[in-house]
Every structure is written in C-alpha cells, then in structure tokens.
Amino acid sequence: MYDIAIVGGGMVGATLAVALADTPLRVAMIEAVPFRSDTQPSYNARCIALAEGSQRIFAALGLWPKLRPHATPMTQIHISEKGNFGVTRLDAKAEGVTALGYVIESRALGAVLLERLKAARNIDVLCPAKLQNIVMGTDSAELELMGDDQPARIQTKLVVAADGDNSFVRQHLGIEEVRSDYLQTAIISTVTPSESHCNTAYERFTPQGPVALLPLSENRCSLVYTVARDQAAATLQLDDRAFIAALTERFGHRLGEFVRVGQRQSYPLTLLRAKEHVRHRLALIGNAAHTLHPIAGQGLNLGLRDVALLAQTVLDAKRANQDIGDLKTLQDYKCWRDRDHARVTAFTDGMARVFSNSIGLLSVARGAGLVLTDICPPIKSRLARQSMGLSGPQPRLACGLPL
C-alpha cells in the first residue's frame, strides 16, 4: 500500500515526488515514457522560465546548487508593444532580489530531479508504466498499470494527477473541464543575437501575437514566437533566413541582428481549467488542473506552487495522524490554491486578450498603461511580484523553508 501515487513524471510530478523524498510517506511515481528518451518532455531541449518563487522552492529542496550552473538569471524584464509608445521595465535591484527569475533547459532540470529520485529510499519510480484503470474506493484507490507488457496493480491512499493537459486521470474519472482555444500556436526555438542580451527578458506584443526572448548562456536566447493557428505550418516551413527575417520584423533590432536560429517546435495554445481540483483520494496539479497561455511564463511556476502546498498539506496531515486522502484535508489545500489559480489565470488570459485586440482606443490605453506602470513604483512592484510568483500567501517551500 502506497500513501501517494503520482501519475505523471514530468516536471511537476517529479518535483512533488522529490519534495516527499525521505519522509514517512511511501510514494509511487508512474510515468509512461522512459526517461532520457527523445519523447520524454522532461528531457528535451525546451527552455523554461523559473520565477524567483520557484527558485526558492528548489533551494528549499536542496536542489539549487546543482541547478544553478545550468540557470541563466533574468535581471530585467522589458515589456513593449510593436507600433506603440509604451514600455515597462522591471528590474531585480529595484525589487531587492538577485534575479526576477531564471531560464534553464528542461533537460537539465529533469536530470537533477531524476538523480534525486533514484537516491530516495521511500519512492518507487514505475517507468515505463501506463495507467490503464483507476478504481476509487472509500479507504484507498486501486490503479491498474501496464509496464513492459506485464500488468500490475497498486493501492494508494491518495492519487495525484500530474499527467498534463490531456490528463488520463481527469478524463477517466469524468472530471469536466473549461477549455478556451486561443487559435494560436507557439513556436519555440533558440536564437543568437549579435548584441548582448545583458540578462534581459523581452516580452513583445505584436498584432500577430506575442514574442518572448529569454536570456541563456553563451548569449543565446530562448524564443517563444506566437502565430495564428492557420499560419503555423507555413511558419515552421520557413528556412532559417526567412524565419529570422520574420522574427526581426516583429521584434525589431533591440539585440542587433539575429545571426543563428535553432530547430523549431510548436504546440497549440489553449486555456484549460478543471472544474474539480480535488475529490476524496484525488488531487489534480499542474497542467492536469490548469493550462495557461505562455505569456509571462506562469504555467510551470503555478504548478510548482501546487506542489509546494500539496506536499506541505499531506505531510502536515501525516504528522497529525490524519488521513492524507480525506476530502477535508484536500479541501484545505484547494481553498488556498484557488486564489492563486484565479489570480494567475486572470493575469495571463487578460494580457493575452487585451494585447490581441486591434481596437484603436484600446491600443492607446495599452500604451498609456505601459507608461503608467513604468513610472509608478507601486504598480511596477506589484507586477514584478506577480511575475516572480510572490503574490499572496506562500507555502513553506516557496518561502525557502523546509517542509
């Protein structure tokens, strides 16, 4: 009998398992795709932005010393709109922090998480293993798995769905979702500019969609280039020179010329929110519970705060000899997380929709808003804290404290 079975071994699921490593809880982590395979999302070359709050979580888990050599700090964030006069600049020094966040390749983060999981005495990593069925009971849940053509059954006090936006757990248990299609596709790549990025992250809004450039080592930048869904295939087929020309037309010459672009990948953009985040013996976290527009890089960071509070909740319940899968215990977790989910969803969805609207008066208002934010320290600080994942009450790990 396990205390917790985590379905999904991506960034969020693996971080939850690491947070529970070497605790009194017995944990199973179930992942269908073999680690270090080309199709395992935790080990691809995609880059992710870790907010300052997420850095504190990894520091509290003792992982930051191994992650730091792979992480590039973002000391400034530059927000602008093509064809508009407004600009907002966020600065780490003004907020009293070393960095507003860090950019790291998912492959590097995945490798550090996996190393820690292998060393944990109380965690069984079941991989490759595909979940076939779930039977939710009053006192436990039973999971039917298929791994290496061998069926298996495990029982657990709590099932945690961390299996992404197309969550098998969510769909199998009939949990409804609210989904909104942005009709946009994000094209991700790595580019090298001719001028130094100076550890500045850029968020550039254009009529075709936002463009984000995040600083990496060796003066590279991680690129998120948003296009309308019906333009995605044609954009992906552009050769390097044509793609760089299109990027330059939208981004401008703030970093000089783009001299190199890497392989490009894409994924459709949708907004998703599960109507239930907890049930008796069940919790949904990360993209299984909420999927956001990538604007401002909030998605993974929101999921990591799910991890921080859920780990705190179940450990506190265990120490108090309470049932960690009881609905009352999980409702306490849900009530705290609902406020953060609502705040971040409104922030990212609002920005995506406001900056995609071509109404003239709204364009003027956007420019004025960027200027006002830039010259008004309280507004700017509030935006910076939202971007850093430090708004509202924080669980212990997000404060840099151990569980």
Protein backbone atom coordinates (compact mmCIF):
# COMPACT_ATOMS: atom_id res chain seq x y z
CA MET A 1 0.00 0.00 0.00
CA TYR A 2 1.36 3.39 -1.02
CA ASP A 3 0.49 6.64 0.68
CA ILE A 4 0.64 8.60 -2.58
CA ALA A 5 0.66 7.54 -6.24
CA ILE A 6 1.73 10.36 -8.56
CA VAL A 7 0.55 9.81 -12.13
CA GLY A 8 2.98 11.65 -14.41
CA GLY A 9 6.74 12.03 -14.11
CA GLY A 10 7.18 15.39 -15.83
CA MET A 11 8.48 18.49 -14.10
CA VAL A 12 5.54 18.93 -11.74
CA GLY A 13 5.04 15.26 -10.85
CA ALA A 14 8.76 14.64 -10.36
CA THR A 15 9.13 17.76 -8.20
CA LEU A 16 6.30 16.57 -5.95
CA ALA A 17 8.00 13.19 -5.59
CA VAL A 18 11.29 14.92 -4.72
CA ALA A 19 9.52 17.14 -2.17
CA LEU A 20 8.28 13.96 -0.45
CA ALA A 21 11.63 12.14 -0.64
CA ASP A 22 12.92 10.68 2.63
CA THR A 23 9.70 11.44 4.50
CA PRO A 24 7.46 8.93 6.32
CA LEU A 25 5.28 8.72 3.20
CA ARG A 26 5.63 5.84 0.76
CA VAL A 27 5.38 7.23 -2.78
CA ALA A 28 4.97 5.73 -6.25
CA MET A 29 5.63 7.85 -9.34
CA ILE A 30 4.11 6.43 -12.54
CA GLU A 31 5.45 7.55 -15.92
CA ALA A 32 4.59 6.03 -19.30
CA VAL A 33 7.54 7.41 -21.32
CA PRO A 34 11.04 6.10 -20.49
CA PHE A 35 13.27 8.77 -19.00
CA ARG A 36 16.02 10.16 -21.25
CA SER A 37 14.10 9.17 -24.38
CA ASP A 38 13.61 11.76 -27.12
CA THR A 39 9.87 11.81 -26.45
CA GLN A 40 10.16 12.42 -22.69
CA PRO A 41 9.21 16.09 -22.18
CA SER A 42 11.39 16.43 -19.08
CA TYR A 43 14.50 15.73 -21.14
CA ASN A 44 14.05 17.74 -24.32
CA ALA A 45 15.88 20.95 -25.23
CA ARG A 46 12.94 23.21 -24.46
CA CYS A 47 13.77 26.01 -22.05
CA ILE A 48 11.64 27.04 -19.12
CA ALA A 49 11.46 30.22 -17.05
CA LEU A 50 11.66 29.64 -13.31
CA ALA A 51 10.22 32.53 -11.32
CA GLU A 52 12.01 33.70 -8.20
CA GLY A 53 9.40 31.88 -6.11
CA SER A 54 10.17 28.62 -7.93
CA GLN A 55 13.89 29.11 -7.36
CA ARG A 56 13.13 29.31 -3.65
CA ILE A 57 11.22 26.03 -3.85
CA PHE A 58 14.18 24.25 -5.43
CA ALA A 59 16.55 25.86 -2.92
CA ALA A 60 14.42 24.60 -0.03
CA LEU A 61 14.51 21.12 -1.59
CA GLY A 62 18.32 21.27 -1.68
CA LEU A 63 18.46 21.12 -5.50
CA TRP A 64 19.55 24.66 -6.35
CA PRO A 65 23.33 24.07 -6.01
CA LYS A 66 23.09 21.52 -8.84
CA LEU A 67 20.64 23.59 -10.89
CA ARG A 68 22.44 26.93 -10.55
CA PRO A 69 25.26 26.15 -13.06
CA HIS A 70 22.59 25.48 -15.71
CA ALA A 71 20.43 28.52 -14.92
CA THR A 72 20.72 31.97 -16.51
CA PRO A 73 19.41 34.81 -14.33
CA MET A 74 16.87 37.31 -15.64
CA THR A 75 17.83 40.61 -14.01
CA GLN A 76 15.48 42.74 -16.11
CA ILE A 77 12.21 42.28 -18.00
CA HIS A 78 11.37 44.58 -20.91
CA ILE A 79 7.69 44.73 -21.94
CA SER A 80 6.64 46.59 -25.09
CA GLU A 81 4.13 46.62 -27.94
CA LYS A 82 5.02 46.95 -31.60
CA GLY A 83 3.87 50.26 -33.04
CA ASN A 84 3.06 51.70 -29.62
CA PHE A 85 4.89 54.24 -27.47
CA GLY A 86 4.63 52.49 -24.11
CA VAL A 87 7.22 50.34 -22.41
CA THR A 88 7.57 48.82 -18.93
CA ARG A 89 10.92 47.78 -17.46
CA LEU A 90 11.15 45.55 -14.39
CA ASP A 91 14.46 45.40 -12.54
CA ALA A 92 15.70 42.90 -9.96
CA LYS A 93 17.64 45.51 -7.97
CA ALA A 94 14.52 47.64 -7.57
CA GLU A 95 12.74 44.61 -6.09
CA GLY A 96 15.61 43.73 -3.78
CA VAL A 97 16.31 40.33 -5.36
CA THR A 98 19.28 38.86 -7.20
CA ALA A 99 17.13 37.93 -10.19
CA LEU A 100 13.50 38.17 -11.24
CA GLY A 101 13.77 34.55 -12.37
CA TYR A 102 16.00 32.08 -14.16
CA VAL A 103 15.97 30.32 -17.52
CA ILE A 104 17.01 26.68 -17.64
CA GLU A 105 16.77 23.87 -20.18
CA SER A 106 14.15 21.34 -19.17
CA ARG A 107 16.69 18.59 -19.88
CA ALA A 108 18.98 19.91 -17.12
CA LEU A 109 16.17 20.25 -14.59
CA GLY A 110 14.84 16.80 -15.43
CA ALA A 111 18.26 15.21 -14.94
CA VAL A 112 18.68 16.75 -11.47
CA LEU A 113 15.19 15.65 -10.43
CA LEU A 114 15.76 12.09 -11.65
CA GLU A 115 19.09 11.85 -9.83
CA ARG A 116 17.40 12.83 -6.58
CA LEU A 117 14.53 10.39 -7.15
CA LYS A 118 16.92 7.50 -7.63
CA ALA A 119 18.52 8.25 -4.27
CA ALA A 120 15.24 8.43 -2.33
CA ARG A 121 14.52 5.40 -0.17
CA ASN A 122 10.75 5.88 0.04
CA ILE A 123 10.00 6.44 -3.67
CA ASP A 124 9.34 3.77 -6.30
CA VAL A 125 9.66 5.10 -9.84
CA LEU A 126 7.44 2.91 -12.04
CA CYS A 127 8.65 3.64 -15.57
CA PRO A 128 7.72 2.80 -18.22
CA ALA A 129 4.27 2.08 -16.86
CA LYS A 130 0.97 3.17 -18.37
CA LEU A 131 -2.12 3.68 -16.27
CA GLN A 132 -4.99 1.52 -17.55
CA ASN A 133 -7.71 1.97 -14.94
CA ILE A 134 -8.49 3.59 -11.60
CA VAL A 135 -10.96 2.31 -9.05
CA MET A 136 -11.64 4.89 -6.34
CA GLY A 137 -12.68 3.41 -3.02
CA THR A 138 -13.60 4.77 0.39
CA ASP A 139 -10.36 3.78 2.13
CA SER A 140 -7.98 3.58 -0.85
CA ALA A 141 -7.70 3.72 -4.63
CA GLU A 142 -6.56 0.88 -6.87
CA LEU A 143 -4.54 1.60 -10.00
CA GLU A 144 -4.13 -0.90 -12.82
CA LEU A 145 -0.86 -0.48 -14.73
CA MET A 146 0.81 -1.97 -17.77
CA GLY A 147 4.57 -1.94 -17.89
CA ASP A 148 6.83 -3.89 -20.25
CA ASP A 149 3.80 -5.98 -21.21
CA GLN A 150 3.34 -7.00 -17.60
CA PRO A 151 0.14 -5.91 -15.80
CA ALA A 152 0.35 -4.72 -12.20
CA ARG A 153 -1.95 -3.35 -9.53
CA ILE A 154 -1.11 -0.96 -6.74
CA GLN A 155 -3.16 0.58 -3.94
CA THR A 156 -2.75 4.05 -2.54
CA LYS A 157 -4.30 6.44 -0.04
CA LEU A 158 -4.06 9.37 -2.47
CA VAL A 159 -3.87 9.66 -6.27
CA VAL A 160 -2.21 12.79 -7.62
CA ALA A 161 -2.86 13.56 -11.28
CA ALA A 162 0.20 15.28 -12.75
CA ASP A 163 -0.27 13.89 -16.25
CA GLY A 164 -0.65 17.08 -18.26
CA ASP A 165 -3.40 18.92 -20.08
CA ASN A 166 -4.71 15.74 -21.72
CA SER A 167 -4.80 14.03 -18.33
CA PHE A 168 -5.93 10.41 -18.46
CA VAL A 169 -6.86 10.59 -14.79
CA ARG A 170 -9.08 13.64 -15.26
CA GLN A 171 -10.82 12.19 -18.30
CA HIS A 172 -11.16 8.65 -16.89
CA LEU A 173 -12.80 9.93 -13.70
CA GLY A 174 -15.18 12.15 -15.64
CA ILE A 175 -13.92 15.48 -14.31
CA GLU A 176 -15.26 18.21 -16.55
CA GLU A 177 -13.07 21.00 -17.86
CA VAL A 178 -13.49 24.53 -19.17
CA ARG A 179 -11.37 24.94 -22.28
CA SER A 180 -10.86 28.02 -24.44
CA ASP A 181 -8.83 27.86 -27.64
CA TYR A 182 -6.70 30.93 -28.35
CA LEU A 183 -6.44 29.84 -32.01
CA GLN A 184 -2.72 30.48 -31.69
CA THR A 185 0.36 28.28 -31.90
CA ALA A 186 3.60 28.85 -30.01
CA ILE A 187 6.76 28.15 -31.99
CA ILE A 188 9.74 27.62 -29.72
CA SER A 189 13.40 27.73 -30.62
CA THR A 190 16.77 29.16 -29.63
CA VAL A 191 18.25 32.22 -31.34
CA THR A 192 21.56 34.05 -31.07
CA PRO A 193 21.60 37.87 -31.43
CA SER A 194 24.62 39.92 -32.46
CA GLU A 195 24.41 42.11 -29.34
CA SER A 196 24.49 41.04 -25.69
CA HIS A 197 21.14 40.29 -24.08
CA CYS A 198 22.53 41.58 -20.75
CA ASN A 199 20.35 39.07 -18.88
CA THR A 200 17.20 40.86 -20.02
CA ALA A 201 13.98 39.02 -20.87
CA TYR A 202 11.78 40.60 -23.55
CA GLU A 203 8.00 40.32 -23.90
CA ARG A 204 6.99 41.99 -27.17
CA PHE A 205 3.32 42.22 -28.16
CA THR A 206 2.53 42.35 -31.86
CA PRO A 207 -0.67 42.12 -33.93
CA GLN A 208 0.28 38.54 -34.88
CA GLY A 209 0.79 37.51 -31.23
CA PRO A 210 3.40 37.95 -28.50
CA VAL A 211 7.12 37.25 -28.95
CA ALA A 212 9.21 36.37 -25.90
CA LEU A 213 13.01 36.22 -25.74
CA LEU A 214 14.59 34.83 -22.57
CA PRO A 215 18.34 35.04 -21.83
CA LEU A 216 20.51 31.93 -21.98
CA SER A 217 24.21 31.23 -21.64
CA GLU A 218 26.63 31.99 -24.49
CA ASN A 219 24.44 34.98 -25.43
CA ARG A 220 21.69 32.72 -26.74
CA CYS A 221 18.02 33.45 -26.20
CA SER A 222 15.11 31.07 -25.75
CA LEU A 223 12.37 32.12 -28.16
CA VAL A 224 8.59 31.78 -27.89
CA TYR A 225 7.13 33.05 -31.17
CA THR A 226 3.33 33.09 -31.32
CA VAL A 227 1.41 32.93 -34.59
CA ALA A 228 -2.18 32.44 -35.63
CA ARG A 229 -3.06 28.75 -35.83
CA ASP A 230 -3.60 28.85 -39.60
CA GLN A 231 -0.13 30.36 -40.10
CA ALA A 232 1.78 27.82 -38.01
CA ALA A 233 2.54 25.24 -40.71
CA ALA A 234 3.81 27.86 -43.17
CA THR A 235 5.95 29.49 -40.48
CA LEU A 236 7.52 26.17 -39.49
CA GLN A 237 8.42 25.53 -43.13
CA LEU A 238 10.41 28.76 -43.46
CA ASP A 239 14.15 28.32 -43.88
CA ASP A 240 16.44 29.91 -41.28
CA ARG A 241 16.97 33.15 -43.21
CA ALA A 242 13.26 33.70 -43.83
CA PHE A 243 12.36 32.86 -40.23
CA ILE A 244 14.97 35.30 -38.89
CA ALA A 245 13.59 37.98 -41.21
CA ALA A 246 10.06 37.40 -39.90
CA LEU A 247 11.29 37.47 -36.29
CA THR A 248 13.23 40.69 -36.89
CA GLU A 249 10.19 42.34 -38.47
CA ARG A 250 8.17 41.63 -35.34
CA PHE A 251 10.82 42.09 -32.63
CA GLY A 252 12.98 44.84 -34.09
CA HIS A 253 16.70 45.47 -33.58
CA ARG A 254 16.99 45.85 -29.80
CA LEU A 255 19.50 42.99 -29.82
CA GLY A 256 21.04 43.83 -33.18
CA GLU A 257 20.74 41.17 -35.84
CA PHE A 258 19.81 37.55 -35.22
CA VAL A 259 22.72 35.51 -36.52
CA ARG A 260 21.53 31.99 -35.79
CA VAL A 261 18.31 30.09 -35.11
CA GLY A 262 17.92 26.54 -33.84
CA GLN A 263 15.46 23.77 -34.56
CA ARG A 264 11.84 24.84 -34.20
CA GLN A 265 8.99 23.05 -32.45
CA SER A 266 5.38 24.06 -31.89
CA TYR A 267 2.34 23.48 -29.71
CA PRO A 268 -1.23 24.87 -29.77
CA LEU A 269 -2.27 27.38 -27.11
CA THR A 270 -5.37 26.80 -25.03
CA LEU A 271 -6.70 27.88 -21.66
CA LEU A 272 -7.92 24.96 -19.54
CA ARG A 273 -9.28 24.71 -16.04
CA ALA A 274 -10.61 21.53 -14.46
CA LYS A 275 -13.94 22.06 -12.71
CA GLU A 276 -12.76 19.90 -9.79
CA HIS A 277 -9.23 20.02 -8.44
CA VAL A 278 -9.81 17.61 -5.58
CA ARG A 279 -12.04 14.68 -4.74
CA HIS A 280 -11.88 12.12 -1.98
CA ARG A 281 -8.46 10.43 -2.51
CA LEU A 282 -7.66 12.58 -5.55
CA ALA A 283 -5.80 15.83 -6.29
CA LEU A 284 -5.04 17.40 -9.67
CA ILE A 285 -1.92 19.54 -10.04
CA GLY A 286 -0.04 21.33 -12.81
CA ASN A 287 -1.43 21.20 -16.34
CA ALA A 288 -3.86 18.45 -15.36
CA ALA A 289 -5.65 21.11 -13.31
CA HIS A 290 -4.87 24.28 -15.27
CA THR A 291 -3.18 25.10 -18.58
CA LEU A 292 -2.32 28.73 -19.33
CA HIS A 293 -1.22 30.91 -22.22
CA PRO A 294 2.60 31.03 -22.08
CA ILE A 295 2.58 34.82 -21.81
CA ALA A 296 4.73 35.88 -18.83
CA GLY A 297 5.87 32.25 -18.35
CA GLN A 298 3.50 31.47 -15.47
CA GLY A 299 2.32 27.91 -16.23
CA LEU A 300 5.04 25.72 -14.73
CA ASN A 301 5.55 28.13 -11.85
CA LEU A 302 1.87 27.88 -10.94
CA GLY A 303 2.21 24.08 -10.97
CA LEU A 304 5.29 24.21 -8.73
CA ARG A 305 3.30 26.18 -6.18
CA ASP A 306 0.67 23.41 -6.36
CA VAL A 307 3.48 21.02 -5.48
CA ALA A 308 4.76 23.14 -2.60
CA LEU A 309 1.38 23.39 -0.89
CA LEU A 310 0.23 19.82 -1.57
CA ALA A 311 3.48 18.42 -0.15
CA GLN A 312 3.05 20.63 2.92
CA THR A 313 -0.60 19.63 3.30
CA VAL A 314 -0.09 15.87 3.14
CA LEU A 315 2.99 15.92 5.38
CA ASP A 316 1.23 18.02 8.00
CA ALA A 317 -1.73 15.60 7.86
CA LYS A 318 0.59 12.59 8.22
CA ARG A 319 2.32 14.13 11.23
CA ALA A 320 -1.07 14.77 12.81
CA ASN A 321 -2.11 11.13 12.17
CA GLN A 322 -4.83 12.28 9.78
CA ASP A 323 -5.95 10.60 6.57
CA ILE A 324 -3.97 12.32 3.79
CA GLY A 325 -6.58 11.36 1.18
CA ASP A 326 -9.58 12.57 3.11
CA LEU A 327 -11.62 15.19 1.26
CA LYS A 328 -11.49 17.65 4.17
CA THR A 329 -7.68 17.59 4.12
CA LEU A 330 -7.65 18.15 0.37
CA GLN A 331 -10.31 20.88 0.55
CA ASP A 332 -7.98 22.92 2.76
CA TYR A 333 -5.36 22.63 0.01
CA LYS A 334 -7.88 23.55 -2.70
CA CYS A 335 -9.18 26.66 -0.95
CA TRP A 336 -5.67 28.07 -0.63
CA ARG A 337 -4.72 27.24 -4.22
CA ASP A 338 -7.96 28.54 -5.77
CA ARG A 339 -6.97 32.15 -5.09
CA ASP A 340 -3.59 31.76 -6.79
CA HIS A 341 -5.11 29.92 -9.75
CA ALA A 342 -7.74 32.63 -10.25
CA ARG A 343 -5.21 35.46 -9.94
CA VAL A 344 -2.70 34.00 -12.38
CA THR A 345 -5.35 32.88 -14.89
CA ALA A 346 -6.87 36.36 -14.91
CA PHE A 347 -3.41 37.90 -15.31
CA THR A 348 -2.25 35.76 -18.25
CA ASP A 349 -5.59 35.45 -20.03
CA GLY A 350 -6.29 39.14 -19.60
CA MET A 351 -2.94 40.16 -21.08
CA ALA A 352 -3.31 37.73 -23.99
CA ARG A 353 -6.76 39.03 -24.90
CA VAL A 354 -6.16 42.74 -24.29
CA PHE A 355 -2.98 42.82 -26.36
CA SER A 356 -4.55 40.85 -29.22
CA ASN A 357 -7.38 43.37 -29.64
CA SER A 358 -6.87 45.81 -32.53
CA ILE A 359 -9.41 48.46 -31.45
CA GLY A 360 -7.70 51.86 -31.77
CA LEU A 361 -8.73 53.34 -28.43
CA LEU A 362 -7.67 50.16 -26.66
CA SER A 363 -4.26 50.42 -28.32
CA VAL A 364 -3.85 53.93 -26.94
CA ALA A 365 -4.92 52.70 -23.49
CA ARG A 366 -2.37 49.86 -23.64
CA GLY A 367 0.43 52.29 -24.41
CA ALA A 368 -0.64 54.58 -21.61
CA GLY A 369 -0.87 51.60 -19.26
CA LEU A 370 2.69 50.50 -20.03
CA VAL A 371 3.96 54.04 -19.41
CA LEU A 372 1.96 54.38 -16.18
CA THR A 373 3.26 51.04 -14.92
CA ASP A 374 6.83 52.06 -15.73
CA ILE A 375 6.69 55.37 -13.86
CA CYS A 376 4.60 54.25 -10.88
CA PRO A 377 6.73 52.20 -8.43
CA PRO A 378 3.82 50.58 -6.52
CA ILE A 379 2.17 49.33 -9.72
CA LYS A 380 5.50 48.20 -11.14
CA SER A 381 6.40 46.37 -7.93
CA ARG A 382 3.03 44.62 -7.89
CA LEU A 383 3.57 43.46 -11.49
CA ALA A 384 7.10 42.30 -10.63
CA ARG A 385 5.91 40.30 -7.62
CA GLN A 386 3.20 38.69 -9.76
CA SER A 387 5.83 37.75 -12.35
CA MET A 388 8.12 36.37 -9.63
CA GLY A 389 5.32 34.22 -8.17
CA LEU A 390 5.43 36.05 -4.84
CA SER A 391 1.89 37.48 -4.71
CA GLY A 392 -0.38 36.35 -1.92
CA PRO A 393 0.26 33.80 0.88
CA GLN A 394 3.12 31.40 0.20
CA PRO A 395 3.62 27.78 1.34
CA ARG A 396 6.77 26.99 3.29
CA LEU A 397 8.83 25.75 0.34
CA ALA A 398 8.06 28.91 -1.65
CA CYS A 399 9.43 30.91 1.27
CA GLY A 400 12.65 28.92 1.05
CA LEU A 401 11.79 26.96 4.21
CA PRO A 402 11.96 23.17 4.55
CA LEU A 403 8.83 21.10 4.99
